């Protein structure tokens, strides 16, 4: 039984410390990952949305700064 646990632990160590082959495919400007397909414009818009959301949280909740309609700091 001790040998089984040691072999299992060794297998887990190999599994979690060894990099696996990549499974992302590029077709032109489109990325394919498993059953998901997206292009770089979608990635770009997602990143822009995350930056805006982070900026809103930073200014409104953490720094308690008022912002005007154009999302600029209100003097």
N, C-alpha and C. Protein backbone atom coordinates (compact mmCIF):
# COMPACT_ATOMS: atom_id res chain seq x y z
N UNK A 1 0.82 -1.19 0.00
CA UNK A 1 0.00 0.00 0.00
C UNK A 1 0.88 1.26 0.00
N UNK A 2 1.97 1.21 0.72
CA UNK A 2 2.89 2.36 0.77
C UNK A 2 3.45 2.66 -0.62
N UNK A 3 3.75 1.64 -1.40
CA UNK A 3 4.26 1.83 -2.76
C UNK A 3 3.22 2.52 -3.63
N UNK A 4 1.95 2.18 -3.46
CA UNK A 4 0.87 2.79 -4.25
C UNK A 4 0.79 4.29 -3.95
N UNK A 5 0.85 4.65 -2.67
CA UNK A 5 0.79 6.07 -2.32
C UNK A 5 2.01 6.84 -2.82
N UNK A 6 3.18 6.24 -2.74
CA UNK A 6 4.38 6.90 -3.25
C UNK A 6 4.30 7.08 -4.77
N UNK A 7 3.84 6.06 -5.48
CA UNK A 7 3.71 6.15 -6.93
C UNK A 7 2.67 7.21 -7.31
N UNK A 8 1.57 7.27 -6.57
CA UNK A 8 0.53 8.27 -6.82
C UNK A 8 1.08 9.68 -6.58
N UNK A 9 1.79 9.87 -5.48
CA UNK A 9 2.37 11.18 -5.18
C UNK A 9 3.38 11.59 -6.24
N UNK A 10 4.19 10.65 -6.68
CA UNK A 10 5.16 10.94 -7.73
C UNK A 10 4.46 11.33 -9.03
N UNK A 11 3.39 10.63 -9.36
CA UNK A 11 2.62 10.97 -10.56
C UNK A 11 2.02 12.36 -10.48
N UNK A 12 1.47 12.72 -9.31
CA UNK A 12 0.93 14.07 -9.14
C UNK A 12 2.03 15.12 -9.28
N UNK A 13 3.20 14.84 -8.73
CA UNK A 13 4.30 15.80 -8.84
C UNK A 13 4.67 16.03 -10.30
N UNK A 14 4.76 14.95 -11.07
CA UNK A 14 5.06 15.09 -12.49
C UNK A 14 3.96 15.88 -13.19
N UNK A 15 2.71 15.57 -12.88
CA UNK A 15 1.58 16.21 -13.54
C UNK A 15 1.56 17.71 -13.31
N UNK A 16 1.83 18.14 -12.09
CA UNK A 16 1.69 19.55 -11.75
C UNK A 16 2.98 20.36 -11.88
N UNK A 17 4.10 19.74 -12.21
CA UNK A 17 5.34 20.50 -12.40
C UNK A 17 5.86 20.44 -13.83
N UNK A 18 5.22 19.68 -14.70
CA UNK A 18 5.65 19.55 -16.08
C UNK A 18 4.68 20.31 -16.97
N UNK A 19 5.20 21.11 -17.88
CA UNK A 19 4.33 21.84 -18.78
C UNK A 19 3.73 20.91 -19.83
N UNK A 20 2.51 21.21 -20.21
CA UNK A 20 1.82 20.41 -21.21
C UNK A 20 1.95 21.08 -22.57
N UNK A 21 1.65 20.34 -23.61
CA UNK A 21 1.67 20.90 -24.96
C UNK A 21 0.57 21.95 -25.09
N UNK A 22 0.83 22.96 -25.87
CA UNK A 22 -0.18 23.99 -26.10
C UNK A 22 -1.32 23.47 -26.95
N UNK A 23 -2.50 23.95 -26.67
CA UNK A 23 -3.66 23.51 -27.44
C UNK A 23 -4.40 24.70 -28.04
N UNK A 24 -3.69 25.80 -28.29
CA UNK A 24 -4.27 26.98 -28.92
C UNK A 24 -3.87 26.98 -30.39
N UNK A 25 -4.83 27.26 -31.24
CA UNK A 25 -4.56 27.35 -32.67
C UNK A 25 -4.85 28.76 -33.15
N UNK A 26 -4.01 29.24 -34.05
CA UNK A 26 -4.20 30.54 -34.68
C UNK A 26 -4.62 30.32 -36.12
N UNK A 27 -5.67 31.00 -36.54
CA UNK A 27 -6.09 31.01 -37.94
C UNK A 27 -6.23 32.48 -38.32
N UNK A 28 -5.20 33.01 -38.94
CA UNK A 28 -5.20 34.44 -39.26
C UNK A 28 -5.18 35.25 -37.99
N UNK A 29 -6.25 36.03 -37.77
CA UNK A 29 -6.37 36.87 -36.59
C UNK A 29 -7.31 36.25 -35.55
N UNK A 30 -7.66 34.98 -35.74
CA UNK A 30 -8.61 34.30 -34.87
C UNK A 30 -7.88 33.26 -34.02
N UNK A 31 -8.26 33.19 -32.76
CA UNK A 31 -7.69 32.23 -31.83
C UNK A 31 -8.73 31.14 -31.58
N UNK A 32 -8.30 29.89 -31.67
CA UNK A 32 -9.18 28.76 -31.38
C UNK A 32 -8.65 28.04 -30.15
N UNK A 33 -9.51 27.88 -29.13
CA UNK A 33 -9.13 27.15 -27.93
C UNK A 33 -10.30 26.25 -27.56
N UNK A 34 -10.10 24.95 -27.65
CA UNK A 34 -11.12 23.94 -27.44
C UNK A 34 -12.34 24.29 -28.30
N UNK A 35 -13.47 24.64 -27.72
CA UNK A 35 -14.66 24.97 -28.51
C UNK A 35 -14.90 26.48 -28.57
N UNK A 36 -13.92 27.28 -28.16
CA UNK A 36 -14.08 28.73 -28.11
C UNK A 36 -13.30 29.36 -29.26
N UNK A 37 -13.92 30.33 -29.94
CA UNK A 37 -13.28 31.04 -31.03
C UNK A 37 -13.48 32.54 -30.83
N UNK A 38 -12.38 33.29 -30.89
CA UNK A 38 -12.47 34.74 -30.78
C UNK A 38 -11.34 35.36 -31.56
N UNK A 39 -11.55 36.63 -31.95
CA UNK A 39 -10.50 37.32 -32.71
C UNK A 39 -9.89 38.42 -31.85
N UNK A 40 -8.85 39.02 -32.35
CA UNK A 40 -8.08 39.98 -31.57
C UNK A 40 -8.85 41.25 -31.27
N UNK A 41 -9.81 41.62 -32.10
CA UNK A 41 -10.62 42.80 -31.79
C UNK A 41 -11.49 42.55 -30.55
N UNK A 42 -11.95 41.32 -30.38
CA UNK A 42 -12.71 40.99 -29.18
C UNK A 42 -11.82 41.03 -27.94
N UNK A 43 -10.59 40.56 -28.07
CA UNK A 43 -9.65 40.63 -26.95
C UNK A 43 -9.36 42.09 -26.61
N UNK A 44 -9.16 42.89 -27.63
CA UNK A 44 -8.87 44.31 -27.41
C UNK A 44 -10.03 45.00 -26.70
N UNK A 45 -11.25 44.76 -27.13
CA UNK A 45 -12.39 45.40 -26.48
C UNK A 45 -12.58 44.90 -25.05
N UNK A 46 -12.27 43.63 -24.80
CA UNK A 46 -12.35 43.11 -23.44
C UNK A 46 -11.34 43.80 -22.53
N UNK A 47 -10.11 43.97 -23.02
CA UNK A 47 -9.08 44.63 -22.22
C UNK A 47 -9.46 46.08 -21.96
N UNK A 48 -9.99 46.78 -22.96
CA UNK A 48 -10.42 48.17 -22.76
C UNK A 48 -11.53 48.23 -21.71
N UNK A 49 -12.46 47.30 -21.76
CA UNK A 49 -13.54 47.26 -20.77
C UNK A 49 -13.02 47.01 -19.36
N UNK A 50 -12.04 46.11 -19.23
CA UNK A 50 -11.45 45.85 -17.93
C UNK A 50 -10.71 47.06 -17.38
N UNK A 51 -10.02 47.78 -18.25
CA UNK A 51 -9.30 48.98 -17.81
C UNK A 51 -10.29 50.03 -17.34
N UNK A 52 -11.39 50.23 -18.07
CA UNK A 52 -12.40 51.21 -17.65
C UNK A 52 -13.03 50.82 -16.32
N UNK A 53 -13.33 49.54 -16.16
CA UNK A 53 -13.92 49.08 -14.92
C UNK A 53 -12.96 49.25 -13.75
N UNK A 54 -11.69 48.94 -13.97
CA UNK A 54 -10.69 49.11 -12.91
C UNK A 54 -10.52 50.59 -12.56
N UNK A 55 -10.57 51.44 -13.57
CA UNK A 55 -10.44 52.89 -13.33
C UNK A 55 -11.62 53.40 -12.51
N UNK A 56 -12.83 52.94 -12.86
CA UNK A 56 -14.01 53.36 -12.10
C UNK A 56 -13.91 52.92 -10.64
N UNK A 57 -13.49 51.70 -10.41
CA UNK A 57 -13.37 51.20 -9.04
C UNK A 57 -12.30 51.98 -8.30
N UNK A 58 -11.17 52.22 -8.95
CA UNK A 58 -10.08 52.95 -8.30
C UNK A 58 -10.51 54.34 -7.89
N UNK A 59 -11.12 55.08 -8.81
CA UNK A 59 -11.47 56.46 -8.51
C UNK A 59 -12.68 56.57 -7.58
N UNK A 60 -13.74 55.84 -7.88
CA UNK A 60 -14.97 56.05 -7.13
C UNK A 60 -14.97 55.37 -5.77
N UNK A 61 -14.43 54.16 -5.68
CA UNK A 61 -14.52 53.42 -4.42
C UNK A 61 -13.27 53.54 -3.57
N UNK A 62 -12.12 53.50 -4.17
CA UNK A 62 -10.91 53.50 -3.36
C UNK A 62 -10.42 54.91 -3.04
N UNK A 63 -10.47 55.81 -4.04
CA UNK A 63 -9.96 57.16 -3.81
C UNK A 63 -11.07 58.15 -3.49
N UNK A 64 -12.32 57.74 -3.70
CA UNK A 64 -13.49 58.58 -3.44
C UNK A 64 -13.38 59.93 -4.18
N UNK A 65 -13.06 59.85 -5.47
CA UNK A 65 -12.95 61.03 -6.31
C UNK A 65 -14.19 61.10 -7.19
N UNK A 66 -14.79 62.30 -7.29
CA UNK A 66 -15.95 62.48 -8.16
C UNK A 66 -15.50 62.58 -9.61
N UNK A 67 -16.30 62.01 -10.51
CA UNK A 67 -15.98 62.05 -11.94
C UNK A 67 -17.15 62.69 -12.67
N UNK A 68 -16.83 63.43 -13.75
CA UNK A 68 -17.87 64.07 -14.53
C UNK A 68 -18.43 63.09 -15.57
N UNK A 69 -19.28 63.58 -16.47
CA UNK A 69 -19.94 62.74 -17.46
C UNK A 69 -18.96 62.14 -18.46
N UNK A 70 -17.82 62.80 -18.68
CA UNK A 70 -16.82 62.30 -19.63
C UNK A 70 -15.81 61.35 -18.95
N UNK A 71 -16.11 60.95 -17.72
CA UNK A 71 -15.26 60.06 -16.94
C UNK A 71 -13.89 60.67 -16.65
N UNK A 72 -13.89 61.98 -16.48
CA UNK A 72 -12.68 62.69 -16.08
C UNK A 72 -12.84 63.12 -14.64
N UNK A 73 -11.75 63.32 -13.94
CA UNK A 73 -11.81 63.72 -12.54
C UNK A 73 -12.42 65.11 -12.46
N UNK A 74 -13.46 65.21 -11.67
CA UNK A 74 -14.17 66.49 -11.50
C UNK A 74 -13.41 67.36 -10.49
N UNK A 75 -12.96 68.55 -10.93
CA UNK A 75 -12.19 69.38 -10.02
C UNK A 75 -13.08 69.87 -8.91
